[in-house]
Amino acid sequence: MIFGATGMVGQGVLRQCLLDSRVESVLAVGRTSLGRRHPKLREVIHGDFTDFAPVGAELAGLDACFWCLGISASGKSAAEYRRVTYDYTLAGARELAERSPGLTFTYVSGEGTDGTGRSRARWARVKGETENALLAMDGLDAYLFRPNYIHPVHGERSKTPLYRAAYAATSWAYPVLRRVAPGQVTSTERLGQAMIAVVGRRGGGEGERVLRSREINRIAGGAGVE
């Protein structure tokens, strides 16, 4: 299952899931249709992300959830940012923990997330609180992905105009950054590969729970990676 499949990260993760032979089917949950067809892909359109009970039957019997949904804190009120970042995530996670106990839940937060609550950055504290709640939740096998710079390698586009402009202006630097600071960058493809890889640890409690760019790239491996 993928939440946030219309965003840049979600687009990359969805692409990788559809390509990977180990993934039998993909359920995308969103407010609007993705506008695409694929034999593996099924969509559920749902409006209220604070209450997933109406579509709870669709969330049963799943192996993994890739939570790629998120918004920028810039220009958002504290209440709005917390609703999307914390409330939506925990509402989905609770329903999944009940309907698909033992499910692997991968949550994309970001470098700088602070689980101690001491950061001056509001977004970092809210993301950290969300991560802590996921780790403490019964019925979930949670992994926290904290990438730094994510490079879109297959035409994925951010929904945020400012981010689109930034990626367009800095895309030339990615090959350089891969050489001089490989632990600080990853790609949409590697992120998707690493998410799929951690599902193989389901129920084992093995490996890192907090995965930064270096760990993401290592877990993704080298095969077929841009």
Protein backbone atom coordinates (compact mmCIF):
# COMPACT_ATOMS: atom_id res chain seq x y z
CA MET A 1 0.00 0.00 0.00
CA ILE A 2 1.20 3.49 -0.85
CA PHE A 3 -0.03 6.77 0.60
CA GLY A 4 1.09 9.91 -1.21
CA ALA A 5 1.65 8.29 -4.61
CA THR A 6 1.02 11.59 -6.41
CA GLY A 7 4.01 13.32 -4.77
CA MET A 8 7.58 13.12 -6.04
CA VAL A 9 8.70 10.48 -3.54
CA GLY A 10 5.49 8.50 -3.92
CA GLN A 11 5.77 8.52 -7.71
CA GLY A 12 9.23 7.00 -7.48
CA VAL A 13 8.22 4.38 -4.94
CA LEU A 14 5.14 3.42 -6.96
CA ARG A 15 7.25 3.03 -10.10
CA GLN A 16 9.65 0.72 -8.31
CA CYS A 17 6.85 -1.38 -6.82
CA LEU A 18 5.26 -1.88 -10.24
CA LEU A 19 8.62 -2.93 -11.70
CA ASP A 20 9.68 -5.29 -8.91
CA SER A 21 8.67 -8.91 -9.48
CA ARG A 22 8.52 -9.53 -5.72
CA VAL A 23 5.60 -7.12 -5.40
CA GLU A 24 2.41 -8.91 -6.37
CA SER A 25 0.00 -5.99 -6.13
CA VAL A 26 -0.11 -2.33 -5.12
CA LEU A 27 -2.95 -0.46 -3.45
CA ALA A 28 -2.76 3.34 -3.73
CA VAL A 29 -4.96 5.38 -1.39
CA GLY A 30 -5.57 9.03 -2.21
CA ARG A 31 -8.11 11.79 -2.61
CA THR A 32 -7.86 11.78 -6.39
CA SER A 33 -7.11 9.17 -9.01
CA LEU A 34 -3.56 8.67 -10.24
CA GLY A 35 -4.89 8.58 -13.79
CA ARG A 36 -2.94 5.50 -14.79
CA ARG A 37 -3.55 1.80 -15.32
CA HIS A 38 -1.35 -1.19 -14.53
CA PRO A 39 -2.17 -4.87 -13.93
CA LYS A 40 -0.69 -4.65 -10.41
CA LEU A 41 -2.28 -1.35 -9.44
CA ARG A 42 -5.55 -0.80 -7.60
CA GLU A 43 -6.78 2.53 -6.25
CA VAL A 44 -9.01 3.57 -3.37
CA ILE A 45 -10.30 7.13 -3.37
CA HIS A 46 -10.89 8.40 0.14
CA GLY A 47 -11.52 11.95 1.35
CA ASP A 48 -11.06 11.98 5.13
CA PHE A 49 -7.53 11.07 6.13
CA THR A 50 -8.34 11.40 9.82
CA ASP A 51 -10.72 8.42 9.61
CA PHE A 52 -9.95 5.34 7.54
CA ALA A 53 -12.65 3.16 9.07
CA PRO A 54 -14.94 3.55 6.02
CA VAL A 55 -12.26 1.90 3.84
CA GLY A 56 -10.96 -0.40 6.57
CA ALA A 57 -11.88 -3.56 4.69
CA GLU A 58 -9.50 -2.51 1.92
CA LEU A 59 -6.64 -2.33 4.43
CA ALA A 60 -6.84 -5.95 5.54
CA GLY A 61 -4.29 -8.62 4.67
CA LEU A 62 -1.51 -6.27 3.56
CA ASP A 63 2.22 -6.93 3.95
CA ALA A 64 3.52 -3.36 3.87
CA CYS A 65 2.61 0.30 3.82
CA PHE A 66 4.88 2.92 2.24
CA TRP A 67 3.85 6.26 3.76
CA CYS A 68 5.12 8.94 1.37
CA LEU A 69 2.46 11.54 2.19
CA GLY A 70 3.65 14.89 3.48
CA ILE A 71 3.67 18.66 3.05
CA SER A 72 6.19 21.45 3.45
CA ALA A 73 5.97 23.39 6.71
CA SER A 74 6.62 26.62 4.82
CA GLY A 75 3.56 28.81 4.77
CA LYS A 76 1.49 26.36 6.82
CA SER A 77 0.02 27.01 10.24
CA ALA A 78 1.17 24.83 13.13
CA ALA A 79 -2.27 23.18 13.26
CA GLU A 80 -2.38 22.43 9.52
CA TYR A 81 1.14 21.01 9.45
CA ARG A 82 0.48 18.82 12.47
CA ARG A 83 -2.82 17.56 11.04
CA VAL A 84 -1.21 16.31 7.83
CA THR A 85 2.06 15.12 9.36
CA TYR A 86 0.95 13.58 12.64
CA ASP A 87 -2.82 13.11 12.60
CA TYR A 88 -3.10 11.65 9.10
CA THR A 89 -0.15 9.31 9.59
CA LEU A 90 -1.32 7.98 12.94
CA ALA A 91 -4.90 7.55 11.74
CA GLY A 92 -3.70 5.42 8.84
CA ALA A 93 -1.22 3.50 10.97
CA ARG A 94 -3.79 2.63 13.63
CA GLU A 95 -6.25 1.29 11.08
CA LEU A 96 -3.52 -0.75 9.40
CA ALA A 97 -2.25 -2.12 12.73
CA GLU A 98 -5.76 -3.38 13.44
CA ARG A 99 -6.54 -4.71 9.97
CA SER A 100 -3.08 -6.04 9.01
CA PRO A 101 -1.21 -6.79 12.25
CA GLY A 102 2.53 -7.25 11.80
CA LEU A 103 2.56 -5.07 8.69
CA THR A 104 5.83 -3.35 7.76
CA PHE A 105 5.27 0.42 7.91
CA THR A 106 7.90 2.60 6.25
CA TYR A 107 7.59 6.29 7.02
CA VAL A 108 9.41 8.97 5.02
CA SER A 109 10.35 11.90 7.24
CA GLY A 110 13.67 13.58 6.48
CA GLU A 111 17.16 14.43 7.62
CA GLY A 112 16.99 16.68 10.67
CA THR A 113 13.95 15.01 12.21
CA ASP A 114 14.23 15.24 16.00
CA GLY A 115 12.70 12.63 18.25
CA THR A 116 13.83 14.36 21.45
CA GLY A 117 11.48 17.34 21.13
CA ARG A 118 14.32 19.81 21.63
CA SER A 119 14.75 21.08 18.07
CA ARG A 120 13.94 24.71 17.37
CA ALA A 121 12.37 23.69 14.07
CA ARG A 122 8.68 22.93 14.43
CA TRP A 123 8.65 20.50 11.51
CA ALA A 124 11.50 18.49 13.05
CA ARG A 125 9.68 18.14 16.37
CA VAL A 126 6.39 17.10 14.76
CA LYS A 127 8.11 14.58 12.50
CA GLY A 128 10.00 13.22 15.51
CA GLU A 129 6.82 12.87 17.52
CA THR A 130 5.25 11.02 14.61
CA GLU A 131 8.21 8.66 14.35
CA ASN A 132 8.14 7.92 18.07
CA ALA A 133 4.43 7.14 17.97
CA LEU A 134 4.92 4.72 15.07
CA LEU A 135 7.75 2.89 16.83
CA ALA A 136 5.62 2.53 19.96
CA MET A 137 2.50 1.29 18.17
CA ASP A 138 1.55 -2.34 18.64
CA GLY A 139 0.86 -4.24 15.43
CA LEU A 140 3.38 -2.34 13.29
CA ASP A 141 6.92 -3.18 12.23
CA ALA A 142 8.05 0.42 11.65
CA TYR A 143 11.04 1.74 9.70
CA LEU A 144 11.84 5.46 9.57
CA PHE A 145 13.40 6.82 6.41
CA ARG A 146 15.30 10.11 6.81
CA PRO A 147 16.78 10.95 3.42
CA ASN A 148 18.55 14.23 2.85
CA TYR A 149 18.60 15.28 -0.82
CA ILE A 150 16.42 13.04 -3.02
CA HIS A 151 17.10 13.18 -6.74
CA PRO A 152 14.23 12.35 -9.13
CA VAL A 153 15.66 10.07 -11.80
CA HIS A 154 12.63 9.00 -13.84
CA GLY A 155 10.68 12.21 -14.37
CA GLU A 156 9.06 12.35 -10.93
CA ARG A 157 7.83 15.86 -10.08
CA SER A 158 7.15 17.56 -6.79
CA LYS A 159 3.67 19.03 -6.29
CA THR A 160 5.23 22.09 -4.63
CA PRO A 161 6.24 24.80 -7.17
CA LEU A 162 9.15 26.00 -5.04
CA TYR A 163 10.56 22.48 -4.82
CA ARG A 164 10.14 21.94 -8.56
CA ALA A 165 12.13 25.10 -9.23
CA ALA A 166 14.82 24.06 -6.76
CA TYR A 167 15.20 20.60 -8.32
CA ALA A 168 15.39 22.12 -11.80
CA ALA A 169 18.13 24.48 -10.66
CA THR A 170 20.22 21.90 -8.80
CA SER A 171 19.78 18.69 -10.79
CA TRP A 172 23.16 19.23 -12.48
CA ALA A 173 24.87 18.87 -9.10
CA TYR A 174 23.61 15.35 -8.33
CA PRO A 175 26.41 13.44 -10.11
CA VAL A 176 28.94 15.59 -8.27
CA LEU A 177 27.27 15.11 -4.90
CA ARG A 178 27.18 11.33 -5.42
CA ARG A 179 30.98 11.40 -5.66
CA VAL A 180 31.88 13.93 -2.97
CA ALA A 181 29.07 13.36 -0.44
CA PRO A 182 27.47 9.97 -1.11
CA GLY A 183 26.07 9.78 2.39
CA GLN A 184 24.00 12.92 1.87
CA VAL A 185 22.13 12.08 -1.34
CA THR A 186 19.88 9.37 -2.67
CA SER A 187 17.37 8.99 -5.51
CA THR A 188 13.70 8.21 -5.90
CA GLU A 189 14.72 4.84 -7.33
CA ARG A 190 17.02 3.91 -4.47
CA LEU A 191 14.41 5.00 -1.96
CA GLY A 192 11.83 2.69 -3.53
CA GLN A 193 14.28 -0.21 -3.67
CA ALA A 194 15.24 0.23 -0.02
CA MET A 195 11.59 0.35 1.08
CA ILE A 196 10.87 -2.91 -0.68
CA ALA A 197 14.03 -4.45 0.78
CA VAL A 198 13.04 -3.80 4.41
CA VAL A 199 9.74 -5.62 3.90
CA GLY A 200 11.79 -8.81 3.78
CA ARG A 201 12.62 -8.26 7.44
CA ARG A 202 8.95 -8.36 8.38
CA GLY A 203 8.39 -9.48 11.94
CA GLY A 204 12.07 -10.13 12.54
CA GLY A 205 12.92 -6.90 14.32
CA GLU A 206 16.31 -6.94 12.58
CA GLY A 207 18.42 -4.09 11.27
CA GLU A 208 18.27 -0.34 11.66
CA ARG A 209 15.00 1.38 12.38
CA VAL A 210 16.20 4.85 11.38
CA LEU A 211 17.58 4.90 7.85
CA ARG A 212 19.41 7.92 6.48
CA SER A 213 20.68 8.44 2.95
CA ARG A 214 23.81 6.31 3.43
CA GLU A 215 21.80 3.36 4.83
CA ILE A 216 19.10 3.78 2.18
CA ASN A 217 21.69 3.55 -0.59
CA ARG A 218 23.37 0.54 1.01
CA ILE A 219 20.13 -1.36 1.50
CA ALA A 220 19.01 -0.57 -2.05
CA GLY A 221 22.15 -2.24 -3.32
CA GLY A 222 23.73 -1.56 -6.67
CA ALA A 223 21.61 -3.54 -9.11
CA GLY A 224 19.74 -1.35 -11.54
CA VAL A 225 20.26 1.81 -9.52
CA GLU A 226 20.65 5.18 -11.22
